[in-house]
Amino acid sequence: MSAQGNAGEGVEGTAGPGIVIAIDGPSGSGKSSTSKGVARARGLAYLDTGAMYRAITWWMLRNGIEAEDAVAVADAASKPVITMGTDPSAPTVQVDGTDVAGEIRTQEVTSSVSAVSAVPAVRERLVAMQRDTIAQARRESGGIVVEGRDITTVVAPDAEVKIFLTASAEARARRRSKENSSDDVAGTQEALARRDRLDSSRAVSPLTRTADAVELETTGLGLQEVVDLVLGLADEAAAAEASPAAG
């Protein structure tokens, strides 16, 4: 299964059969590893919405559009064709048919993605794609694990499981530095703090925790421990859904 979009047509909601596990949180909190682990354990589809914003940012930069030029970004938001593979064991990211999974992780893209993702036209288009992907996964894959920063608040507020992952600033910086093979933990922590400020203060779909999302503090926990906690919450949600009182 893959998610592909150009014009940004979407659906208004994501309710349906199957299960949606929505995982939000800041950079370095463990969203990607946890989400893929949960999806693999349950045989569900997986969607990294942050990679979609990185993909459209990569396209803007490649085509000479300044990330800070909100008008130009909005005008071009519908142009790139973004295709997301939803296999948690081998997720893919393509833009106009080109594999960009590695290129969207460069420092240039990382430094620009917050500005691009704050543009309403970009969020409107990608949220529509994300909702389409969720609806398709409910029908065809039994459900999906979706990670990002506005999944529980905007993309799938009707998700059966809502989780907000977090960790200490130091732990997040160490994790991200390890991912990037960098020894500059202090510099990484500063960059993450800047990203947090931008993501939490933007006017459209800011990073925030909903009242009905379960907060999981992952500092000091191993990956499998976090995955098991999420699986437990998913099992509780499924049991509640199946109980006579739920009907």
C-alpha atoms as a PDB file:
ATOM      1  CA  MET A   1       0.000   0.000   0.000  1.00  0.00           C
ATOM      2  CA  SER A   2       1.184   3.534  -0.749  1.00  0.00           C
ATOM      3  CA  ALA A   3      -0.166   7.034  -0.357  1.00  0.00           C
ATOM      4  CA  GLN A   4       0.076   9.343  -3.326  1.00  0.00           C
ATOM      5  CA  GLY A   5      -1.241  12.812  -3.858  1.00  0.00           C
ATOM      6  CA  ASN A   6      -1.025  15.868  -6.064  1.00  0.00           C
ATOM      7  CA  ALA A   7      -4.035  18.145  -5.922  1.00  0.00           C
ATOM      8  CA  GLY A   8      -4.656  17.526  -2.235  1.00  0.00           C
ATOM      9  CA  GLU A   9      -8.219  16.236  -2.327  1.00  0.00           C
ATOM     10  CA  GLY A  10      -9.140  14.586   0.975  1.00  0.00           C
ATOM     11  CA  VAL A  11     -11.899  13.443   3.269  1.00  0.00           C
ATOM     12  CA  GLU A  12     -13.309  15.266   6.258  1.00  0.00           C
ATOM     13  CA  GLY A  13     -12.774  12.485   8.778  1.00  0.00           C
ATOM     14  CA  THR A  14     -10.892   9.271   9.351  1.00  0.00           C
ATOM     15  CA  ALA A  15     -13.466   7.125  11.163  1.00  0.00           C
ATOM     16  CA  GLY A  16     -14.115   3.620   9.880  1.00  0.00           C
ATOM     17  CA  PRO A  17     -13.199  -0.014  10.419  1.00  0.00           C
ATOM     18  CA  GLY A  18      -9.782  -0.975  11.719  1.00  0.00           C
ATOM     19  CA  ILE A  19      -7.730   0.958  14.253  1.00  0.00           C
ATOM     20  CA  VAL A  20      -5.812   4.208  14.117  1.00  0.00           C
ATOM     21  CA  ILE A  21      -2.945   4.700  16.561  1.00  0.00           C
ATOM     22  CA  ALA A  22      -1.972   8.377  16.538  1.00  0.00           C
ATOM     23  CA  ILE A  23       1.408   9.298  17.992  1.00  0.00           C
ATOM     24  CA  ASP A  24       2.466  12.923  18.411  1.00  0.00           C
ATOM     25  CA  GLY A  25       5.535  14.424  20.013  1.00  0.00           C
ATOM     26  CA  PRO A  26       8.603  16.597  19.485  1.00  0.00           C
ATOM     27  CA  SER A  27      11.730  15.642  17.557  1.00  0.00           C
ATOM     28  CA  GLY A  28      13.841  12.976  19.214  1.00  0.00           C
ATOM     29  CA  SER A  29      11.052  11.643  21.418  1.00  0.00           C
ATOM     30  CA  GLY A  30      11.167   8.245  19.719  1.00  0.00           C
ATOM     31  CA  LYS A  31       8.069   8.565  17.513  1.00  0.00           C
ATOM     32  CA  SER A  32       9.468   6.906  14.398  1.00  0.00           C
ATOM     33  CA  SER A  33      11.075   3.867  16.024  1.00  0.00           C
ATOM     34  CA  THR A  34       8.076   3.345  18.297  1.00  0.00           C
ATOM     35  CA  SER A  35       5.509   3.775  15.517  1.00  0.00           C
ATOM     36  CA  LYS A  36       7.249   1.358  13.176  1.00  0.00           C
ATOM     37  CA  GLY A  37       7.690  -1.170  15.972  1.00  0.00           C
ATOM     38  CA  VAL A  38       4.002  -1.017  16.886  1.00  0.00           C
ATOM     39  CA  ALA A  39       2.908  -1.259  13.248  1.00  0.00           C
ATOM     40  CA  ARG A  40       5.112  -4.289  12.633  1.00  0.00           C
ATOM     41  CA  ALA A  41       3.876  -6.005  15.791  1.00  0.00           C
ATOM     42  CA  ARG A  42       0.232  -5.611  14.769  1.00  0.00           C
ATOM     43  CA  GLY A  43       0.583  -5.935  10.995  1.00  0.00           C
ATOM     44  CA  LEU A  44      -0.633  -2.372  10.444  1.00  0.00           C
ATOM     45  CA  ALA A  45       0.297   0.265   7.903  1.00  0.00           C
ATOM     46  CA  TYR A  46       2.607   3.109   8.975  1.00  0.00           C
ATOM     47  CA  LEU A  47       2.777   6.765   7.987  1.00  0.00           C
ATOM     48  CA  ASP A  48       5.464   9.290   8.887  1.00  0.00           C
ATOM     49  CA  THR A  49       3.755  12.634   8.317  1.00  0.00           C
ATOM     50  CA  GLY A  50       6.925  14.517   9.199  1.00  0.00           C
ATOM     51  CA  ALA A  51       8.597  12.933   6.176  1.00  0.00           C
ATOM     52  CA  MET A  52       5.827  14.373   4.011  1.00  0.00           C
ATOM     53  CA  TYR A  53       6.610  17.896   5.219  1.00  0.00           C
ATOM     54  CA  ARG A  54      10.289  17.227   4.667  1.00  0.00           C
ATOM     55  CA  ALA A  55       9.530  15.978   1.152  1.00  0.00           C
ATOM     56  CA  ILE A  56       7.646  19.091   0.143  1.00  0.00           C
ATOM     57  CA  THR A  57      10.367  21.232   1.743  1.00  0.00           C
ATOM     58  CA  TRP A  58      13.008  19.362  -0.281  1.00  0.00           C
ATOM     59  CA  TRP A  59      11.028  20.081  -3.456  1.00  0.00           C
ATOM     60  CA  MET A  60      10.749  23.796  -2.628  1.00  0.00           C
ATOM     61  CA  LEU A  61      14.495  24.126  -2.047  1.00  0.00           C
ATOM     62  CA  ARG A  62      15.342  22.098  -5.146  1.00  0.00           C
ATOM     63  CA  ASN A  63      13.150  24.397  -7.216  1.00  0.00           C
ATOM     64  CA  GLY A  64      14.636  27.606  -5.859  1.00  0.00           C
ATOM     65  CA  ILE A  65      11.761  28.577  -3.577  1.00  0.00           C
ATOM     66  CA  GLU A  66      12.827  30.184  -0.321  1.00  0.00           C
ATOM     67  CA  ALA A  67      11.354  28.444   2.717  1.00  0.00           C
ATOM     68  CA  GLU A  68      10.661  31.808   4.368  1.00  0.00           C
ATOM     69  CA  ASP A  69       8.696  33.084   1.336  1.00  0.00           C
ATOM     70  CA  ALA A  70       5.252  31.967   2.490  1.00  0.00           C
ATOM     71  CA  VAL A  71       3.501  33.334  -0.605  1.00  0.00           C
ATOM     72  CA  ALA A  72       5.763  31.460  -3.023  1.00  0.00           C
ATOM     73  CA  VAL A  73       5.539  28.280  -0.948  1.00  0.00           C
ATOM     74  CA  ALA A  74       1.744  28.493  -0.925  1.00  0.00           C
ATOM     75  CA  ASP A  75       1.611  29.059  -4.685  1.00  0.00           C
ATOM     76  CA  ALA A  76       3.710  25.936  -5.299  1.00  0.00           C
ATOM     77  CA  ALA A  77       2.199  23.714  -2.606  1.00  0.00           C
ATOM     78  CA  SER A  78       0.059  21.696  -5.035  1.00  0.00           C
ATOM     79  CA  LYS A  79       2.815  21.025  -7.589  1.00  0.00           C
ATOM     80  CA  PRO A  80       4.970  18.137  -6.284  1.00  0.00           C
ATOM     81  CA  VAL A  81       3.598  14.592  -6.402  1.00  0.00           C
ATOM     82  CA  ILE A  82       4.422  13.004  -3.057  1.00  0.00           C
ATOM     83  CA  THR A  83       4.148   9.232  -2.667  1.00  0.00           C
ATOM     84  CA  MET A  84       4.556   7.542   0.694  1.00  0.00           C
ATOM     85  CA  GLY A  85       5.110   3.810   1.118  1.00  0.00           C
ATOM     86  CA  THR A  86       3.337   2.597   4.240  1.00  0.00           C
ATOM     87  CA  ASP A  87       5.158  -0.685   4.920  1.00  0.00           C
ATOM     88  CA  PRO A  88       6.659  -0.207   8.415  1.00  0.00           C
ATOM     89  CA  SER A  89       9.565  -2.520   7.563  1.00  0.00           C
ATOM     90  CA  ALA A  90      10.481  -0.537   4.443  1.00  0.00           C
ATOM     91  CA  PRO A  91       8.767   2.880   4.363  1.00  0.00           C
ATOM     92  CA  THR A  92       9.522   4.930   1.265  1.00  0.00           C
ATOM     93  CA  VAL A  93       9.290   8.583   0.277  1.00  0.00           C
ATOM     94  CA  GLN A  94       9.127   9.687  -3.353  1.00  0.00           C
ATOM     95  CA  VAL A  95       8.709  13.108  -4.929  1.00  0.00           C
ATOM     96  CA  ASP A  96       7.760  13.182  -8.601  1.00  0.00           C
ATOM     97  CA  GLY A  97       8.853   9.547  -8.823  1.00  0.00           C
ATOM     98  CA  THR A  98      12.287  10.119  -7.257  1.00  0.00           C
ATOM     99  CA  ASP A  99      13.329   8.386  -4.034  1.00  0.00           C
ATOM    100  CA  VAL A 100      14.203  11.167  -1.582  1.00  0.00           C
ATOM    101  CA  ALA A 101      14.224   9.212   1.701  1.00  0.00           C
ATOM    102  CA  GLY A 102      17.867  10.118   2.316  1.00  0.00           C
ATOM    103  CA  GLU A 103      17.860  13.629   0.878  1.00  0.00           C
ATOM    104  CA  ILE A 104      15.017  14.854   3.086  1.00  0.00           C
ATOM    105  CA  ARG A 105      17.162  14.225   6.180  1.00  0.00           C
ATOM    106  CA  THR A 106      19.865  16.749   5.290  1.00  0.00           C
ATOM    107  CA  GLN A 107      20.563  19.725   7.532  1.00  0.00           C
ATOM    108  CA  GLU A 108      19.335  22.080   4.797  1.00  0.00           C
ATOM    109  CA  VAL A 109      15.897  20.479   4.836  1.00  0.00           C
ATOM    110  CA  THR A 110      15.854  20.190   8.627  1.00  0.00           C
ATOM    111  CA  SER A 111      16.566  23.921   8.945  1.00  0.00           C
ATOM    112  CA  SER A 112      13.761  24.852   6.556  1.00  0.00           C
ATOM    113  CA  VAL A 113      10.954  22.390   7.267  1.00  0.00           C
ATOM    114  CA  SER A 114       9.370  24.333  10.140  1.00  0.00           C
ATOM    115  CA  ALA A 115       8.919  27.418   7.949  1.00  0.00           C
ATOM    116  CA  VAL A 116       7.429  25.442   5.062  1.00  0.00           C
ATOM    117  CA  SER A 117       5.163  23.364   7.276  1.00  0.00           C
ATOM    118  CA  ALA A 118       3.755  26.518   8.892  1.00  0.00           C
ATOM    119  CA  VAL A 119       2.226  27.638   5.565  1.00  0.00           C
ATOM    120  CA  PRO A 120      -1.546  26.933   5.676  1.00  0.00           C
ATOM    121  CA  ALA A 121      -1.725  25.809   2.032  1.00  0.00           C
ATOM    122  CA  VAL A 122       0.954  23.194   2.686  1.00  0.00           C
ATOM    123  CA  ARG A 123      -0.767  21.852   5.781  1.00  0.00           C
ATOM    124  CA  GLU A 124      -4.173  21.787   4.089  1.00  0.00           C
ATOM    125  CA  ARG A 125      -2.838  19.763   1.191  1.00  0.00           C
ATOM    126  CA  LEU A 126      -0.819  17.280   3.246  1.00  0.00           C
ATOM    127  CA  VAL A 127      -3.494  16.803   5.906  1.00  0.00           C
ATOM    128  CA  ALA A 128      -5.936  15.861   3.134  1.00  0.00           C
ATOM    129  CA  MET A 129      -3.432  13.290   1.845  1.00  0.00           C
ATOM    130  CA  GLN A 130      -2.871  11.951   5.346  1.00  0.00           C
ATOM    131  CA  ARG A 131      -6.589  11.506   5.939  1.00  0.00           C
ATOM    132  CA  ASP A 132      -6.946   9.692   2.616  1.00  0.00           C
ATOM    133  CA  THR A 133      -4.120   7.353   3.607  1.00  0.00           C
ATOM    134  CA  ILE A 134      -5.708   6.645   6.985  1.00  0.00           C
ATOM    135  CA  ALA A 135      -9.083   5.890   5.399  1.00  0.00           C
ATOM    136  CA  GLN A 136      -7.449   3.533   2.888  1.00  0.00           C
ATOM    137  CA  ALA A 137      -5.477   1.764   5.621  1.00  0.00           C
ATOM    138  CA  ARG A 138      -8.620   1.264   7.693  1.00  0.00           C
ATOM    139  CA  ARG A 139     -10.244  -0.466   4.715  1.00  0.00           C
ATOM    140  CA  GLU A 140      -7.287  -2.460   3.416  1.00  0.00           C
ATOM    141  CA  SER A 141      -4.748  -3.022   6.218  1.00  0.00           C
ATOM    142  CA  GLY A 142      -6.808  -3.281   9.387  1.00  0.00           C
ATOM    143  CA  GLY A 143      -5.555   0.099  10.498  1.00  0.00           C
ATOM    144  CA  ILE A 144      -2.487   2.304  10.683  1.00  0.00           C
ATOM    145  CA  VAL A 145       0.019   3.883  13.030  1.00  0.00           C
ATOM    146  CA  VAL A 146       0.464   7.570  12.190  1.00  0.00           C
ATOM    147  CA  GLU A 147       3.174   9.752  13.686  1.00  0.00           C
ATOM    148  CA  GLY A 148       3.623  13.494  13.609  1.00  0.00           C
ATOM    149  CA  ARG A 149       2.885  16.678  15.498  1.00  0.00           C
ATOM    150  CA  ASP A 150      -0.817  17.254  14.828  1.00  0.00           C
ATOM    151  CA  ILE A 151      -2.221  13.754  14.384  1.00  0.00           C
ATOM    152  CA  THR A 152      -4.288  13.665  17.577  1.00  0.00           C
ATOM    153  CA  THR A 153      -5.377  17.294  17.247  1.00  0.00           C
ATOM    154  CA  VAL A 154      -6.044  17.788  13.524  1.00  0.00           C
ATOM    155  CA  VAL A 155      -5.393  14.828  11.244  1.00  0.00           C
ATOM    156  CA  ALA A 156      -7.164  12.047  13.158  1.00  0.00           C
ATOM    157  CA  PRO A 157      -8.919  13.432  16.246  1.00  0.00           C
ATOM    158  CA  ASP A 158     -11.186  10.350  16.114  1.00  0.00           C
ATOM    159  CA  ALA A 159      -8.248   7.922  16.444  1.00  0.00           C
ATOM    160  CA  GLU A 160      -8.897   5.012  18.783  1.00  0.00           C
ATOM    161  CA  VAL A 161      -5.498   5.438  20.459  1.00  0.00           C
ATOM    162  CA  LYS A 162      -3.929   8.864  21.053  1.00  0.00           C
ATOM    163  CA  ILE A 163      -0.422   9.144  22.435  1.00  0.00           C
ATOM    164  CA  PHE A 164       1.935  12.027  23.117  1.00  0.00           C
ATOM    165  CA  LEU A 165       5.542  10.849  23.359  1.00  0.00           C
ATOM    166  CA  THR A 166       8.069  12.994  25.144  1.00  0.00           C
ATOM    167  CA  ALA A 167      11.515  12.759  26.705  1.00  0.00           C
ATOM    168  CA  SER A 168      14.004  15.031  28.424  1.00  0.00           C
ATOM    169  CA  ALA A 169      15.824  17.572  26.279  1.00  0.00           C
ATOM    170  CA  GLU A 170      19.117  15.791  26.927  1.00  0.00           C
ATOM    171  CA  ALA A 171      17.760  12.366  25.965  1.00  0.00           C
ATOM    172  CA  ARG A 172      16.220  13.710  22.774  1.00  0.00           C
ATOM    173  CA  ALA A 173      19.468  15.423  21.796  1.00  0.00           C
ATOM    174  CA  ARG A 174      21.490  12.255  22.410  1.00  0.00           C
ATOM    175  CA  ARG A 175      19.103  10.192  20.313  1.00  0.00           C
ATOM    176  CA  ARG A 176      19.062  12.638  17.420  1.00  0.00           C
ATOM    177  CA  SER A 177      22.859  13.042  17.516  1.00  0.00           C
ATOM    178  CA  LYS A 178      23.227   9.261  17.350  1.00  0.00           C
ATOM    179  CA  GLU A 179      20.839   9.086  14.386  1.00  0.00           C
ATOM    180  CA  ASN A 180      22.855  11.766  12.585  1.00  0.00           C
ATOM    181  CA  SER A 181      26.250  10.294  13.590  1.00  0.00           C
ATOM    182  CA  SER A 182      27.116  13.583  15.258  1.00  0.00           C
ATOM    183  CA  ASP A 183      29.186  14.243  18.385  1.00  0.00           C
ATOM    184  CA  ASP A 184      27.717  17.734  18.839  1.00  0.00           C
ATOM    185  CA  VAL A 185      25.019  16.891  21.376  1.00  0.00           C
ATOM    186  CA  ALA A 186      24.881  20.475  22.671  1.00  0.00           C
ATOM    187  CA  GLY A 187      24.390  21.857  19.177  1.00  0.00           C
ATOM    188  CA  THR A 188      21.708  19.266  18.482  1.00  0.00           C
ATOM    189  CA  GLN A 189      19.909  20.174  21.704  1.00  0.00           C
ATOM    190  CA  GLU A 190      19.929  23.842  20.714  1.00  0.00           C
ATOM    191  CA  ALA A 191      18.543  23.009  17.264  1.00  0.00           C
ATOM    192  CA  LEU A 192      15.796  20.852  18.788  1.00  0.00           C
ATOM    193  CA  ALA A 193      14.840  23.645  21.185  1.00  0.00           C
ATOM    194  CA  ARG A 194      14.497  26.014  18.229  1.00  0.00           C
ATOM    195  CA  ARG A 195      12.339  23.476  16.371  1.00  0.00           C
ATOM    196  CA  ASP A 196      10.169  23.041  19.464  1.00  0.00           C
ATOM    197  CA  ARG A 197       9.595  26.786  19.691  1.00  0.00           C
ATOM    198  CA  LEU A 198       8.631  27.034  16.030  1.00  0.00           C
ATOM    199  CA  ASP A 199       6.373  23.963  16.050  1.00  0.00           C
ATOM    200  CA  SER A 200       4.612  24.932  19.287  1.00  0.00           C
ATOM    201  CA  SER A 201       4.023  28.583  18.393  1.00  0.00           C
ATOM    202  CA  ARG A 202       2.909  28.395  14.761  1.00  0.00           C
ATOM    203  CA  ALA A 203      -0.588  29.693  14.056  1.00  0.00           C
ATOM    204  CA  VAL A 204      -1.758  26.589  12.171  1.00  0.00           C
ATOM    205  CA  SER A 205      -1.811  23.143  13.840  1.00  0.00           C
ATOM    206  CA  PRO A 206       0.785  23.802  16.551  1.00  0.00           C
ATOM    207  CA  LEU A 207       2.391  20.919  18.423  1.00  0.00           C
ATOM    208  CA  THR A 208       0.285  20.343  21.519  1.00  0.00           C
ATOM    209  CA  ARG A 209      -1.078  17.511  23.637  1.00  0.00           C
ATOM    210  CA  THR A 210      -4.813  16.923  23.681  1.00  0.00           C
ATOM    211  CA  ALA A 211      -6.587  16.232  26.946  1.00  0.00           C
ATOM    212  CA  ASP A 212      -7.475  12.687  25.844  1.00  0.00           C
ATOM    213  CA  ALA A 213      -3.961  11.747  24.675  1.00  0.00           C
ATOM    214  CA  VAL A 214      -1.880   9.509  26.931  1.00  0.00           C
ATOM    215  CA  GLU A 215       1.512  11.082  27.621  1.00  0.00           C
ATOM    216  CA  LEU A 216       4.403   8.625  27.634  1.00  0.00           C
ATOM    217  CA  GLU A 217       7.703   9.878  29.020  1.00  0.00           C
ATOM    218  CA  THR A 218      10.358   7.766  27.287  1.00  0.00           C
ATOM    219  CA  THR A 219      13.518   9.006  29.018  1.00  0.00           C
ATOM    220  CA  GLY A 220      15.350   5.964  30.353  1.00  0.00           C
ATOM    221  CA  LEU A 221      13.089   3.461  28.585  1.00  0.00           C
ATOM    222  CA  GLY A 222      14.247   1.044  25.913  1.00  0.00           C
ATOM    223  CA  LEU A 223      12.496   0.938  22.551  1.00  0.00           C
ATOM    224  CA  GLN A 224      10.751  -2.368  23.220  1.00  0.00           C
ATOM    225  CA  GLU A 225       9.481  -1.073  26.546  1.00  0.00           C
ATOM    226  CA  VAL A 226       7.857   1.897  24.820  1.00  0.00           C
ATOM    227  CA  VAL A 227       6.451  -0.295  22.039  1.00  0.00           C
ATOM    228  CA  ASP A 228       4.948  -2.636  24.629  1.00  0.00           C
ATOM    229  CA  LEU A 229       3.305   0.284  26.440  1.00  0.00           C
ATOM    230  CA  VAL A 230       1.676   1.465  23.211  1.00  0.00           C
ATOM    231  CA  LEU A 231       0.570  -2.063  22.328  1.00  0.00           C
ATOM    232  CA  GLY A 232      -1.020  -2.336  25.756  1.00  0.00           C
ATOM    233  CA  LEU A 233      -2.978   0.870  25.165  1.00  0.00           C
ATOM    234  CA  ALA A 234      -4.063  -0.429  21.744  1.00  0.00           C
ATOM    235  CA  ASP A 235      -5.278  -3.686  23.306  1.00  0.00           C
ATOM    236  CA  GLU A 236      -7.231  -1.731  25.926  1.00  0.00           C
ATOM    237  CA  ALA A 237      -8.861   0.370  23.216  1.00  0.00           C
ATOM    238  CA  ALA A 238      -9.787  -2.713  21.194  1.00  0.00           C
ATOM    239  CA  ALA A 239     -11.267  -4.405  24.259  1.00  0.00           C
ATOM    240  CA  ALA A 240     -13.304  -1.312  25.103  1.00  0.00           C
ATOM    241  CA  GLU A 241     -14.580  -1.121  21.538  1.00  0.00           C
ATOM    242  CA  ALA A 242     -15.632  -4.758  21.620  1.00  0.00           C
ATOM    243  CA  SER A 243     -17.394  -4.580  24.995  1.00  0.00           C
ATOM    244  CA  PRO A 244     -21.220  -4.439  25.082  1.00  0.00           C
ATOM    245  CA  ALA A 245     -21.094  -1.071  26.846  1.00  0.00           C
ATOM    246  CA  ALA A 246     -19.164   0.394  23.903  1.00  0.00           C
ATOM    247  CA  GLY A 247     -21.940  -0.533  21.531  1.00  0.00           C
END
